[in-house]
Amino acid sequence: FSADGRVAASVTEDFEHAPHIRAGRVPALAAITHDNDGYAPQVAARSVAWTNEGFDVQGWLVGPRNIDAGKTYPMVVQVHGGPSAAVTPRYMSDGGGGSPLVGDLVKEGYFVFMPNPRGSYGQGAAFARANRRDFGGGDWRDILAGVDAAIAQAPVDGNRLGLMGHSYGGFMTMWGVTHSQRFKAAVAGAGIANWISYYGQNGIDQWMVPFFGATMYDDPAIYRAASPIESIRAARTPTLLYVGERDVECPPAQSFEFWHGLKAMGVPTTLLVYEGEGHALRKPEHHRDLRAREIGWFNKYLK
């Protein structure tokens, strides 16, 4: 914005349109660059809105641009990390773009649903605070309601649903497979299986206190109630787990704990530990390996 707030410039993009710069007097901004005009949309995307328990909730549904009439497609639900974050549209180019995995899943014939449940940014402070002392509660119910809304708007086979996420999304994936039989395959990256053991393992524990309302030592019950490992006996969904060897935010011990529980329950599972990696994978060869394994996992159980 200009000093007087009358003139602005912005970079604009969405799932279907490549970035360009817009500028001008507010609110009549116009495109001033056209370098990316020749890039065609690679996916079809839409905003999905629904209401749940008094909240207005939104998410993004991305799928193939060309679909066969009368055919239904598998859908993967991707839960964002954070939890204080949100999915925002980024152009998906043929070379990968905003989310290479999402783009590759669409090429494989999947729809991908990316919800922004309570606790996400973008709908006011009350909405962002609505998951306090309720991890895996209302946010999970928002996601399930969003899945219904997405299925109502697209040719999705409700019997071929996958679930995935990283960090807080990895926790939500672990939570989902221990609290629902709706998903036939899951991929949990750098998740949190046990908030009590996690409290003494991670290098960033102070972030939890505002969300849980107390330290784990003062109120262990609230931490235990949000721990997927407490419901591991209900798990049935084949689950691929991955984590960086040097992750201090969501340490490998959490993925090992969940993997051990799934093995004990006889649930198909694989654990990948990427050498030398932290919370986010950095090495291109690890990205390629993980993406191939994720797609292979979903293809095995959803196709």
C-alpha atoms as a PDB file:
ATOM      1  CA  PHE A   1       0.000   0.000   0.000  1.00  0.00           C
ATOM      2  CA  SER A   2       1.026   3.590  -0.545  1.00  0.00           C
ATOM      3  CA  ALA A   3       1.465   5.819   2.507  1.00  0.00           C
ATOM      4  CA  ASP A   4      -2.035   7.236   2.077  1.00  0.00           C
ATOM      5  CA  GLY A   5      -3.573   3.787   1.486  1.00  0.00           C
ATOM      6  CA  ARG A   6      -5.014   4.751  -1.885  1.00  0.00           C
ATOM      7  CA  VAL A   7      -2.664   2.804  -4.150  1.00  0.00           C
ATOM      8  CA  ALA A   8      -1.645  -0.832  -3.778  1.00  0.00           C
ATOM      9  CA  ALA A   9       0.198  -3.615  -5.550  1.00  0.00           C
ATOM     10  CA  SER A  10      -0.152  -7.354  -5.047  1.00  0.00           C
ATOM     11  CA  VAL A  11       0.868 -10.709  -6.438  1.00  0.00           C
ATOM     12  CA  THR A  12      -2.255 -12.665  -7.340  1.00  0.00           C
ATOM     13  CA  GLU A  13      -2.561 -16.378  -8.072  1.00  0.00           C
ATOM     14  CA  ASP A  14      -4.870 -19.313  -7.449  1.00  0.00           C
ATOM     15  CA  PHE A  15      -4.862 -23.046  -8.121  1.00  0.00           C
ATOM     16  CA  GLU A  16      -5.708 -22.522 -11.802  1.00  0.00           C
ATOM     17  CA  HIS A  17      -3.957 -19.242 -12.625  1.00  0.00           C
ATOM     18  CA  ALA A  18      -0.233 -18.494 -12.505  1.00  0.00           C
ATOM     19  CA  PRO A  19       1.039 -15.516 -10.477  1.00  0.00           C
ATOM     20  CA  HIS A  20       0.842 -11.992 -11.861  1.00  0.00           C
ATOM     21  CA  ILE A  21       1.256  -8.518 -10.413  1.00  0.00           C
ATOM     22  CA  ARG A  22      -1.749  -6.263 -10.017  1.00  0.00           C
ATOM     23  CA  ALA A  23      -1.538  -2.582  -9.117  1.00  0.00           C
ATOM     24  CA  GLY A  24      -3.577   0.605  -9.113  1.00  0.00           C
ATOM     25  CA  ARG A  25      -5.920   2.685  -7.022  1.00  0.00           C
ATOM     26  CA  VAL A  26      -7.852   0.713  -4.417  1.00  0.00           C
ATOM     27  CA  PRO A  27     -10.051  -1.178  -5.110  1.00  0.00           C
ATOM     28  CA  ALA A  28      -9.583  -1.110  -8.912  1.00  0.00           C
ATOM     29  CA  LEU A  29      -6.307  -3.022  -9.190  1.00  0.00           C
ATOM     30  CA  ALA A  30      -5.382  -4.187 -12.702  1.00  0.00           C
ATOM     31  CA  ALA A  31      -2.845  -6.696 -14.004  1.00  0.00           C
ATOM     32  CA  ILE A  32       0.417  -5.023 -14.994  1.00  0.00           C
ATOM     33  CA  THR A  33       2.404  -8.187 -15.843  1.00  0.00           C
ATOM     34  CA  HIS A  34       1.468 -10.828 -18.392  1.00  0.00           C
ATOM     35  CA  ASP A  35       4.523 -13.087 -18.448  1.00  0.00           C
ATOM     36  CA  ASN A  36       2.524 -16.058 -17.150  1.00  0.00           C
ATOM     37  CA  ASP A  37      -0.602 -15.602 -19.262  1.00  0.00           C
ATOM     38  CA  GLY A  38       0.358 -18.569 -21.423  1.00  0.00           C
ATOM     39  CA  TYR A  39       0.310 -21.055 -18.565  1.00  0.00           C
ATOM     40  CA  ALA A  40      -2.863 -23.117 -18.781  1.00  0.00           C
ATOM     41  CA  PRO A  41      -4.738 -24.462 -15.745  1.00  0.00           C
ATOM     42  CA  GLN A  42      -3.572 -27.953 -14.772  1.00  0.00           C
ATOM     43  CA  VAL A  43      -6.329 -28.717 -12.272  1.00  0.00           C
ATOM     44  CA  ALA A  44      -9.943 -27.812 -11.630  1.00  0.00           C
ATOM     45  CA  ALA A  45     -10.455 -26.122  -8.262  1.00  0.00           C
ATOM     46  CA  ARG A  46     -13.374 -24.822  -6.264  1.00  0.00           C
ATOM     47  CA  SER A  47     -14.049 -23.412  -2.830  1.00  0.00           C
ATOM     48  CA  VAL A  48     -16.298 -25.593  -0.675  1.00  0.00           C
ATOM     49  CA  ALA A  49     -18.261 -24.005   2.176  1.00  0.00           C
ATOM     50  CA  TRP A  50     -20.282 -25.719   4.898  1.00  0.00           C
ATOM     51  CA  THR A  51     -21.610 -25.105   8.382  1.00  0.00           C
ATOM     52  CA  ASN A  52     -20.932 -27.275  11.397  1.00  0.00           C
ATOM     53  CA  GLU A  53     -21.894 -26.767  15.029  1.00  0.00           C
ATOM     54  CA  GLY A  54     -22.524 -23.077  14.472  1.00  0.00           C
ATOM     55  CA  PHE A  55     -19.311 -22.422  12.547  1.00  0.00           C
ATOM     56  CA  ASP A  56     -18.997 -21.383   8.917  1.00  0.00           C
ATOM     57  CA  VAL A  57     -16.169 -23.505   7.532  1.00  0.00           C
ATOM     58  CA  GLN A  58     -14.365 -23.475   4.192  1.00  0.00           C
ATOM     59  CA  GLY A  59     -11.983 -25.685   2.243  1.00  0.00           C
ATOM     60  CA  TRP A  60     -10.574 -26.240  -1.241  1.00  0.00           C
ATOM     61  CA  LEU A  61     -11.382 -29.106  -3.589  1.00  0.00           C
ATOM     62  CA  VAL A  62      -8.938 -29.782  -6.418  1.00  0.00           C
ATOM     63  CA  GLY A  63      -9.405 -32.421  -9.097  1.00  0.00           C
ATOM     64  CA  PRO A  64      -8.842 -33.368 -12.738  1.00  0.00           C
ATOM     65  CA  ARG A  65      -9.986 -30.907 -15.378  1.00  0.00           C
ATOM     66  CA  ASN A  66     -11.365 -33.687 -17.552  1.00  0.00           C
ATOM     67  CA  ILE A  67     -13.602 -36.221 -15.844  1.00  0.00           C
ATOM     68  CA  ASP A  68     -15.639 -39.056 -17.300  1.00  0.00           C
ATOM     69  CA  ALA A  69     -19.400 -38.727 -17.002  1.00  0.00           C
ATOM     70  CA  GLY A  70     -20.849 -41.394 -14.746  1.00  0.00           C
ATOM     71  CA  LYS A  71     -17.478 -42.229 -13.186  1.00  0.00           C
ATOM     72  CA  THR A  72     -16.524 -41.648  -9.563  1.00  0.00           C
ATOM     73  CA  TYR A  73     -13.031 -40.931  -8.297  1.00  0.00           C
ATOM     74  CA  PRO A  74     -11.069 -41.529  -5.082  1.00  0.00           C
ATOM     75  CA  MET A  75     -10.426 -38.525  -2.858  1.00  0.00           C
ATOM     76  CA  VAL A  76      -7.578 -37.756  -0.469  1.00  0.00           C
ATOM     77  CA  VAL A  77      -8.163 -35.344   2.424  1.00  0.00           C
ATOM     78  CA  GLN A  78      -5.046 -33.305   3.193  1.00  0.00           C
ATOM     79  CA  VAL A  79      -5.052 -31.621   6.622  1.00  0.00           C
ATOM     80  CA  HIS A  80      -2.790 -28.591   7.003  1.00  0.00           C
ATOM     81  CA  GLY A  81      -0.200 -28.162   9.737  1.00  0.00           C
ATOM     82  CA  GLY A  82      -0.123 -25.503  12.384  1.00  0.00           C
ATOM     83  CA  PRO A  83      -2.713 -25.748  13.768  1.00  0.00           C
ATOM     84  CA  SER A  84      -2.673 -21.949  13.388  1.00  0.00           C
ATOM     85  CA  ALA A  85      -2.416 -21.891   9.600  1.00  0.00           C
ATOM     86  CA  ALA A  86      -4.657 -22.141   6.553  1.00  0.00           C
ATOM     87  CA  VAL A  87      -4.680 -23.539   3.037  1.00  0.00           C
ATOM     88  CA  THR A  88      -4.480 -20.715   0.503  1.00  0.00           C
ATOM     89  CA  PRO A  89      -4.554 -21.177  -3.280  1.00  0.00           C
ATOM     90  CA  ARG A  90      -1.248 -21.434  -5.129  1.00  0.00           C
ATOM     91  CA  TYR A  91      -0.869 -22.133  -8.816  1.00  0.00           C
ATOM     92  CA  MET A  92      -0.241 -25.766  -9.691  1.00  0.00           C
ATOM     93  CA  SER A  93       2.008 -25.907 -12.722  1.00  0.00           C
ATOM     94  CA  ASP A  94       2.857 -28.929 -14.803  1.00  0.00           C
ATOM     95  CA  GLY A  95       6.240 -28.989 -13.102  1.00  0.00           C
ATOM     96  CA  GLY A  96       4.834 -29.121  -9.576  1.00  0.00           C
ATOM     97  CA  GLY A  97       3.962 -25.573  -8.563  1.00  0.00           C
ATOM     98  CA  GLY A  98       2.374 -24.894  -5.185  1.00  0.00           C
ATOM     99  CA  SER A  99       2.022 -28.500  -4.028  1.00  0.00           C
ATOM    100  CA  PRO A 100       3.759 -31.146  -6.163  1.00  0.00           C
ATOM    101  CA  LEU A 101       2.104 -33.996  -4.266  1.00  0.00           C
ATOM    102  CA  VAL A 102      -1.399 -32.600  -4.767  1.00  0.00           C
ATOM    103  CA  GLY A 103      -0.653 -32.045  -8.445  1.00  0.00           C
ATOM    104  CA  ASP A 104       0.655 -35.593  -8.817  1.00  0.00           C
ATOM    105  CA  LEU A 105      -2.395 -37.044  -7.069  1.00  0.00           C
ATOM    106  CA  VAL A 106      -4.674 -35.152  -9.462  1.00  0.00           C
ATOM    107  CA  LYS A 107      -2.696 -36.550 -12.403  1.00  0.00           C
ATOM    108  CA  GLU A 108      -3.252 -40.012 -10.944  1.00  0.00           C
ATOM    109  CA  GLY A 109      -7.011 -39.411 -11.010  1.00  0.00           C
ATOM    110  CA  TYR A 110      -7.675 -38.256  -7.449  1.00  0.00           C
ATOM    111  CA  PHE A 111      -9.639 -35.383  -6.025  1.00  0.00           C
ATOM    112  CA  VAL A 112      -7.837 -33.678  -3.134  1.00  0.00           C
ATOM    113  CA  PHE A 113      -9.812 -31.902  -0.409  1.00  0.00           C
ATOM    114  CA  MET A 114      -7.978 -29.372   1.778  1.00  0.00           C
ATOM    115  CA  PRO A 115     -10.199 -28.142   4.648  1.00  0.00           C
ATOM    116  CA  ASN A 116      -9.648 -25.137   6.911  1.00  0.00           C
ATOM    117  CA  PRO A 117     -11.342 -26.360  10.116  1.00  0.00           C
ATOM    118  CA  ARG A 118     -11.761 -24.372  13.312  1.00  0.00           C
ATOM    119  CA  GLY A 119      -8.384 -23.295  14.599  1.00  0.00           C
ATOM    120  CA  SER A 120      -7.372 -22.130  11.108  1.00  0.00           C
ATOM    121  CA  TYR A 121      -6.576 -18.562  10.148  1.00  0.00           C
ATOM    122  CA  GLY A 122      -8.763 -16.494   7.856  1.00  0.00           C
ATOM    123  CA  GLN A 123     -12.150 -16.359   9.582  1.00  0.00           C
ATOM    124  CA  GLY A 124     -11.512 -14.179  12.586  1.00  0.00           C
ATOM    125  CA  ALA A 125      -9.946 -14.539  16.016  1.00  0.00           C
ATOM    126  CA  ALA A 126     -12.836 -16.489  17.545  1.00  0.00           C
ATOM    127  CA  PHE A 127     -12.612 -19.138  14.826  1.00  0.00           C
ATOM    128  CA  ALA A 128      -8.827 -19.363  15.185  1.00  0.00           C
ATOM    129  CA  ARG A 129      -9.198 -19.855  18.960  1.00  0.00           C
ATOM    130  CA  ALA A 130     -12.026 -22.387  18.716  1.00  0.00           C
ATOM    131  CA  ASN A 131      -9.726 -25.412  18.986  1.00  0.00           C
ATOM    132  CA  ARG A 132      -8.280 -24.432  22.376  1.00  0.00           C
ATOM    133  CA  ARG A 133      -8.388 -27.413  24.757  1.00  0.00           C
ATOM    134  CA  ASP A 134     -10.125 -29.356  21.980  1.00  0.00           C
ATOM    135  CA  PHE A 135      -7.467 -30.813  19.656  1.00  0.00           C
ATOM    136  CA  GLY A 136      -9.084 -33.628  17.679  1.00  0.00           C
ATOM    137  CA  GLY A 137     -12.576 -32.550  18.754  1.00  0.00           C
ATOM    138  CA  GLY A 138     -14.410 -29.845  16.868  1.00  0.00           C
ATOM    139  CA  ASP A 139     -11.663 -29.495  14.266  1.00  0.00           C
ATOM    140  CA  TRP A 140     -12.002 -33.184  13.383  1.00  0.00           C
ATOM    141  CA  ARG A 141     -15.791 -32.946  13.228  1.00  0.00           C
ATOM    142  CA  ASP A 142     -15.432 -29.939  10.920  1.00  0.00           C
ATOM    143  CA  ILE A 143     -13.271 -32.033   8.612  1.00  0.00           C
ATOM    144  CA  LEU A 144     -15.739 -34.922   8.516  1.00  0.00           C
ATOM    145  CA  ALA A 145     -18.585 -32.521   7.731  1.00  0.00           C
ATOM    146  CA  GLY A 146     -16.420 -30.978   5.024  1.00  0.00           C
ATOM    147  CA  VAL A 147     -15.823 -34.381   3.451  1.00  0.00           C
ATOM    148  CA  ASP A 148     -19.593 -34.779   3.141  1.00  0.00           C
ATOM    149  CA  ALA A 149     -19.841 -31.327   1.550  1.00  0.00           C
ATOM    150  CA  ALA A 150     -17.081 -32.118  -0.942  1.00  0.00           C
ATOM    151  CA  ILE A 151     -18.638 -35.440  -1.924  1.00  0.00           C
ATOM    152  CA  ALA A 152     -21.943 -33.655  -2.537  1.00  0.00           C
ATOM    153  CA  GLN A 153     -20.240 -31.333  -5.041  1.00  0.00           C
ATOM    154  CA  ALA A 154     -17.999 -33.692  -7.010  1.00  0.00           C
ATOM    155  CA  PRO A 155     -18.042 -37.236  -8.454  1.00  0.00           C
ATOM    156  CA  VAL A 156     -16.186 -38.703  -5.482  1.00  0.00           C
ATOM    157  CA  ASP A 157     -16.474 -42.325  -4.363  1.00  0.00           C
ATOM    158  CA  GLY A 158     -17.165 -42.124  -0.627  1.00  0.00           C
ATOM    159  CA  ASN A 159     -15.813 -45.652  -0.201  1.00  0.00           C
ATOM    160  CA  ARG A 160     -12.370 -44.679  -1.523  1.00  0.00           C
ATOM    161  CA  LEU A 161     -11.189 -41.959   0.808  1.00  0.00           C
ATOM    162  CA  GLY A 162      -7.630 -41.284   1.930  1.00  0.00           C
ATOM    163  CA  LEU A 163      -6.298 -39.069   4.723  1.00  0.00           C
ATOM    164  CA  MET A 164      -2.956 -37.323   5.025  1.00  0.00           C
ATOM    165  CA  GLY A 165      -1.136 -34.460   6.707  1.00  0.00           C
ATOM    166  CA  HIS A 166       2.183 -33.279   8.116  1.00  0.00           C
ATOM    167  CA  SER A 167       3.026 -31.897  11.573  1.00  0.00           C
ATOM    168  CA  TYR A 168      -0.325 -30.923  13.117  1.00  0.00           C
ATOM    169  CA  GLY A 169      -1.836 -32.497  10.009  1.00  0.00           C
ATOM    170  CA  GLY A 170       0.143 -35.629  10.858  1.00  0.00           C
ATOM    171  CA  PHE A 171      -1.367 -35.590  14.341  1.00  0.00           C
ATOM    172  CA  MET A 172      -4.840 -35.162  12.838  1.00  0.00           C
ATOM    173  CA  THR A 173      -4.177 -38.096  10.518  1.00  0.00           C
ATOM    174  CA  MET A 174      -3.176 -40.254  13.482  1.00  0.00           C
ATOM    175  CA  TRP A 175      -6.272 -39.016  15.290  1.00  0.00           C
ATOM    176  CA  GLY A 176      -8.458 -39.737  12.274  1.00  0.00           C
ATOM    177  CA  VAL A 177      -7.402 -43.358  11.834  1.00  0.00           C
ATOM    178  CA  THR A 178      -8.002 -44.023  15.540  1.00  0.00           C
ATOM    179  CA  HIS A 179     -11.429 -42.352  15.548  1.00  0.00           C
ATOM    180  CA  SER A 180     -12.953 -43.293  12.197  1.00  0.00           C
ATOM    181  CA  GLN A 181     -13.176 -46.268   9.858  1.00  0.00           C
ATOM    182  CA  ARG A 182     -14.114 -43.995   6.975  1.00  0.00           C
ATOM    183  CA  PHE A 183     -10.646 -43.758   5.419  1.00  0.00           C
ATOM    184  CA  LYS A 184      -9.112 -46.687   3.562  1.00  0.00           C
ATOM    185  CA  ALA A 185      -5.522 -45.401   3.529  1.00  0.00           C
ATOM    186  CA  ALA A 186      -3.545 -42.742   5.379  1.00  0.00           C
ATOM    187  CA  VAL A 187      -0.160 -41.007   5.314  1.00  0.00           C
ATOM    188  CA  ALA A 188       0.986 -39.269   8.522  1.00  0.00           C
ATOM    189  CA  GLY A 189       4.109 -37.118   8.366  1.00  0.00           C
ATOM    190  CA  ALA A 190       5.905 -35.920  11.516  1.00  0.00           C
ATOM    191  CA  GLY A 191       2.817 -36.554  13.610  1.00  0.00           C
ATOM    192  CA  ILE A 192       2.176 -36.519  17.345  1.00  0.00           C
ATOM    193  CA  ALA A 193       0.879 -39.775  18.790  1.00  0.00           C
ATOM    194  CA  ASN A 194       1.130 -39.069  22.504  1.00  0.00           C
ATOM    195  CA  TRP A 195       0.993 -35.517  23.828  1.00  0.00           C
ATOM    196  CA  ILE A 196       2.281 -36.623  27.239  1.00  0.00           C
ATOM    197  CA  SER A 197       5.491 -38.244  25.985  1.00  0.00           C
ATOM    198  CA  TYR A 198       5.809 -35.501  23.347  1.00  0.00           C
ATOM    199  CA  TYR A 199       5.902 -32.855  26.075  1.00  0.00           C
ATOM    200  CA  GLY A 200       9.242 -34.176  27.274  1.00  0.00           C
ATOM    201  CA  GLN A 201      10.711 -34.920  23.842  1.00  0.00           C
ATOM    202  CA  ASN A 202      10.234 -31.839  21.667  1.00  0.00           C
ATOM    203  CA  GLY A 203      12.285 -28.652  21.531  1.00  0.00           C
ATOM    204  CA  ILE A 204       9.370 -26.202  21.322  1.00  0.00           C
ATOM    205  CA  ASP A 205       7.075 -27.248  24.177  1.00  0.00           C
ATOM    206  CA  GLN A 206       5.997 -23.726  25.211  1.00  0.00           C
ATOM    207  CA  TRP A 207       3.657 -23.456  22.211  1.00  0.00           C
ATOM    208  CA  MET A 208       1.336 -26.057  23.755  1.00  0.00           C
ATOM    209  CA  VAL A 209       0.461 -24.212  26.950  1.00  0.00           C
ATOM    210  CA  PRO A 210      -1.840 -21.572  25.371  1.00  0.00           C
ATOM    211  CA  PHE A 211      -3.680 -24.298  23.449  1.00  0.00           C
ATOM    212  CA  PHE A 212      -4.080 -26.773  26.305  1.00  0.00           C
ATOM    213  CA  GLY A 213      -4.529 -24.126  28.992  1.00  0.00           C
ATOM    214  CA  ALA A 214      -1.934 -25.660  31.305  1.00  0.00           C
ATOM    215  CA  THR A 215       1.352 -27.504  31.284  1.00  0.00           C
ATOM    216  CA  MET A 216       1.279 -31.265  30.963  1.00  0.00           C
ATOM    217  CA  TYR A 217       2.456 -31.523  34.568  1.00  0.00           C
ATOM    218  CA  ASP A 218      -0.483 -29.452  35.815  1.00  0.00           C
ATOM    219  CA  ASP A 219      -3.226 -31.049  33.683  1.00  0.00           C
ATOM    220  CA  PRO A 220      -2.098 -34.379  32.214  1.00  0.00           C
ATOM    221  CA  ALA A 221      -5.699 -35.452  31.586  1.00  0.00           C
ATOM    222  CA  ILE A 222      -6.266 -32.860  28.839  1.00  0.00           C
ATOM    223  CA  TYR A 223      -3.076 -33.998  27.087  1.00  0.00           C
ATOM    224  CA  ARG A 224      -4.013 -37.645  27.391  1.00  0.00           C
ATOM    225  CA  ALA A 225      -7.506 -37.019  26.014  1.00  0.00           C
ATOM    226  CA  ALA A 226      -6.029 -35.561  22.807  1.00  0.00           C
ATOM    227  CA  SER A 227      -3.525 -38.390  22.253  1.00  0.00           C
ATOM    228  CA  PRO A 228      -4.232 -40.756  19.325  1.00  0.00           C
ATOM    229  CA  ILE A 229      -2.275 -43.535  21.026  1.00  0.00           C
ATOM    230  CA  GLU A 230      -5.003 -43.730  23.680  1.00  0.00           C
ATOM    231  CA  SER A 231      -7.386 -45.050  20.991  1.00  0.00           C
ATOM    232  CA  ILE A 232      -4.915 -47.202  19.057  1.00  0.00           C
ATOM    233  CA  ARG A 233      -7.076 -50.306  19.519  1.00  0.00           C
ATOM    234  CA  ALA A 234      -9.658 -48.754  17.184  1.00  0.00           C
ATOM    235  CA  ALA A 235      -7.160 -48.336  14.323  1.00  0.00           C
ATOM    236  CA  ARG A 236      -7.855 -50.305  11.132  1.00  0.00           C
ATOM    237  CA  THR A 237      -6.597 -48.003   8.358  1.00  0.00           C
ATOM    238  CA  PRO A 238      -3.360 -48.919   6.530  1.00  0.00           C
ATOM    239  CA  THR A 239      -1.028 -46.065   7.463  1.00  0.00           C
ATOM    240  CA  LEU A 240       2.285 -44.888   6.030  1.00  0.00           C
ATOM    241  CA  LEU A 241       4.364 -42.871   8.509  1.00  0.00           C
ATOM    242  CA  TYR A 242       7.377 -40.669   7.799  1.00  0.00           C
ATOM    243  CA  VAL A 243       9.591 -38.316   9.791  1.00  0.00           C
ATOM    244  CA  GLY A 244      12.959 -36.585   9.599  1.00  0.00           C
ATOM    245  CA  GLU A 245      15.725 -38.190  11.635  1.00  0.00           C
ATOM    246  CA  ARG A 246      16.606 -34.841  13.264  1.00  0.00           C
ATOM    247  CA  ASP A 247      13.130 -33.409  13.716  1.00  0.00           C
ATOM    248  CA  VAL A 248      13.031 -31.567  17.058  1.00  0.00           C
ATOM    249  CA  GLU A 249       9.526 -30.144  16.539  1.00  0.00           C
ATOM    250  CA  CYS A 250       7.813 -33.524  16.154  1.00  0.00           C
ATOM    251  CA  PRO A 251      10.551 -35.994  17.113  1.00  0.00           C
ATOM    252  CA  PRO A 252      10.857 -39.431  15.471  1.00  0.00           C
ATOM    253  CA  ALA A 253       9.910 -41.098  18.767  1.00  0.00           C
ATOM    254  CA  GLN A 254       6.302 -40.024  18.160  1.00  0.00           C
ATOM    255  CA  SER A 255       6.152 -41.771  14.795  1.00  0.00           C
ATOM    256  CA  PHE A 256       7.883 -44.833  16.243  1.00  0.00           C
ATOM    257  CA  GLU A 257       5.324 -44.968  19.061  1.00  0.00           C
ATOM    258  CA  PHE A 258       2.395 -44.870  16.635  1.00  0.00           C
ATOM    259  CA  TRP A 259       4.043 -47.341  14.246  1.00  0.00           C
ATOM    260  CA  HIS A 260       4.612 -49.743  17.143  1.00  0.00           C
ATOM    261  CA  GLY A 261       0.953 -49.466  18.158  1.00  0.00           C
ATOM    262  CA  LEU A 262      -0.303 -50.097  14.626  1.00  0.00           C
ATOM    263  CA  LYS A 263       1.966 -53.136  14.311  1.00  0.00           C
ATOM    264  CA  ALA A 264       0.652 -54.485  17.614  1.00  0.00           C
ATOM    265  CA  MET A 265      -2.919 -54.095  16.332  1.00  0.00           C
ATOM    266  CA  GLY A 266      -2.109 -55.896  13.079  1.00  0.00           C
ATOM    267  CA  VAL A 267      -2.715 -52.786  10.955  1.00  0.00           C
ATOM    268  CA  PRO A 268      -0.665 -52.561   7.730  1.00  0.00           C
ATOM    269  CA  THR A 269       1.953 -49.861   8.282  1.00  0.00           C
ATOM    270  CA  THR A 270       5.361 -48.667   7.137  1.00  0.00           C
ATOM    271  CA  LEU A 271       7.631 -46.142   8.859  1.00  0.00           C
ATOM    272  CA  LEU A 272      10.115 -44.042   6.869  1.00  0.00           C
ATOM    273  CA  VAL A 273      12.865 -42.121   8.692  1.00  0.00           C
ATOM    274  CA  TYR A 274      14.758 -39.747   6.413  1.00  0.00           C
ATOM    275  CA  GLU A 275      18.424 -39.483   7.354  1.00  0.00           C
ATOM    276  CA  GLY A 276      19.701 -36.030   8.253  1.00  0.00           C
ATOM    277  CA  GLU A 277      16.328 -34.347   7.761  1.00  0.00           C
ATOM    278  CA  GLY A 278      14.538 -32.062  10.194  1.00  0.00           C
ATOM    279  CA  HIS A 279      10.880 -31.124  10.457  1.00  0.00           C
ATOM    280  CA  ALA A 280      10.625 -30.424   6.722  1.00  0.00           C
ATOM    281  CA  LEU A 281      12.422 -32.505   4.112  1.00  0.00           C
ATOM    282  CA  ARG A 282      15.087 -30.512   2.252  1.00  0.00           C
ATOM    283  CA  LYS A 283      16.921 -32.926  -0.023  1.00  0.00           C
ATOM    284  CA  PRO A 284      15.370 -33.291  -3.515  1.00  0.00           C
ATOM    285  CA  GLU A 285      16.028 -37.029  -3.566  1.00  0.00           C
ATOM    286  CA  HIS A 286      14.073 -37.444  -0.336  1.00  0.00           C
ATOM    287  CA  HIS A 287      11.184 -35.404  -1.728  1.00  0.00           C
ATOM    288  CA  ARG A 288      11.074 -37.599  -4.824  1.00  0.00           C
ATOM    289  CA  ASP A 289      11.264 -40.793  -2.800  1.00  0.00           C
ATOM    290  CA  LEU A 290       8.518 -39.740  -0.393  1.00  0.00           C
ATOM    291  CA  ARG A 291       6.190 -38.548  -3.140  1.00  0.00           C
ATOM    292  CA  ALA A 292       6.515 -41.840  -4.991  1.00  0.00           C
ATOM    293  CA  ARG A 293       5.848 -43.807  -1.807  1.00  0.00           C
ATOM    294  CA  GLU A 294       2.830 -41.674  -0.855  1.00  0.00           C
ATOM    295  CA  ILE A 295       1.240 -42.064  -4.278  1.00  0.00           C
ATOM    296  CA  GLY A 296       2.041 -45.773  -4.292  1.00  0.00           C
ATOM    297  CA  TRP A 297       0.410 -46.181  -0.877  1.00  0.00           C
ATOM    298  CA  PHE A 298      -2.815 -44.507  -1.956  1.00  0.00           C
ATOM    299  CA  ASN A 299      -2.870 -46.361  -5.277  1.00  0.00           C
ATOM    300  CA  LYS A 300      -2.488 -49.662  -3.444  1.00  0.00           C
ATOM    301  CA  TYR A 301      -5.470 -49.132  -1.155  1.00  0.00           C
ATOM    302  CA  LEU A 302      -7.762 -46.738  -3.055  1.00  0.00           C
ATOM    303  CA  LYS A 303      -7.598 -48.041  -6.621  1.00  0.00           C
END
